[in-house]
Structures are given as structure tokens and as C-alpha cells.
């Protein structure tokens, strides 16, 4: 199926600032790849995309470069790229980094959420439940992203930017997890609630444990579904490090 056929009927590219065309093109294509609208294996030809999106080749080349850096597409000869499928090692590495940093973010945020942030996180959690049951994955993704961001909101700008980048890169895997493990939704919602409770009540150690276990579970489920028996050594190492640190800290304080 051509890229034109894949994008037929979908909302078109919007460019608010012509000086940021490459950024807009990158964000547009990135969302389509992560959502699965442009599936793995799809060949992206710059000439065809330039025509379909009505943009010049220069910003398109820059958008392709950013997608390649994120591991979403491969670099091919003749100004072509291919949307990459699930790479178990890349997922393992990405989630190990995300687990480590987002658990830190949860600990730094524990006990520091404002009342408004607590209300917003509770509303996002409720919205996640509603949209998932309605089959509205796009809206679920927005609520899920907002929920996680609120729970690490006191991390400081540099850390928060990196956490956000890791979380966005993980979204394609989160979607795979949702689609292949539909029976686990209630359990995942309970995990979200446990993280939220730990952060808002100021229990930094519990926030680390709950966040690390939640994210590692997602990674392990996706890898096992697509590469049975491979395991997640990077994720396991990150989890061991964090849980060991929490246990040691608890022992020291006792």
C-alpha cells in the first residue's frame, strides 16, 4: 500500500510556522508511525512524501534524519527509508533507561505535587479508564502521557525533557502491549494507581518501586510476545539496581 493510500482520510499535516516545517513534518510522521497508522515495513520515499504532504525535500530530509535517530526508520539508498519493526534489544535498552530515569523522577516528585496537579493526575487516570473502554486509543494516549508526566513533574527541566523523550519513544511499544495484552488492563490501572498514591503521599521509596515494576512489566510483556525466550537483561539490570537501592536505603534508615 502506498503512503498516499495509508494517509487517505486522515487529518493532514499542519504547519503553524513555515520556519519550523521540518519539526512539523517530523512530529506528524512520528505520530503516524508510533500509532501504527504507518506500519513496520512501509517504505517511505522522499519524493512521494514531498508530493503527498506538499512540502519541499529539504525539511523532509531533516525530518527523516530525526526519525532515524529515534530508531523509527532505517536509512536506505536513493532517499528512501523503511519503517522499522519491533527490535527487542532496542526496546530492552530504551526501557532500561526509561525505568531508571522515570523512577528517579517519581522519587523527586514524591510529596511535592500541588493540589491542582493531584486533581489533574486523578482526572487523567479516570480518563485513561474511560477512553480505553471506549476503544479510543488516541485519547487514551494523551491521558496516559499527561498522567505519567505529572508524576515526574518535579524532576527539573533537563531530566524532564529526557524522560519525555524516552516516554514518547516508548509509545509504539505501549500500544503493542495494549493490543496484545487486553486482559491485563485492570492490573495496569492498579499499577498506575499505586504509583500515584506513592507520589502524592510523599513515599519516595515506594514511588521508585512501583514505577520500576510497572515499566519493566510493559517491556517484558512486549518482548515475550515478539521474541519468546529472549528475556530483557537490560531491564532486569535496571530493576535490580533500583530495587536493591531501595532495599538498602530502607535497611539503613532502620
Foldseek 3Di string as FASTA:
>chain_A
DAPLVLCPPHDAQDDPDPVCVLVSVLVVVLVCLLVCSQPFFHKDALVVVCVSNVHDSVSVVVSVVVCVVLVQWPDDPPRMITGHDDDLQVLLQLLLVLLQLLLVLLLQLAQPQDPVLLVLLVVLLVQLVVCVVVVNVVSNVVSVLSNSLSSRVRVDDVSSVVSSSSVSSCSSLVVVLCVVPVVCVVVLSVLSVQLSVRRNNRPSLSNSLSSLVSSLVSSQVSCCVPPNPPDRVSSVVSNCVSNVVSVVVVVVVD
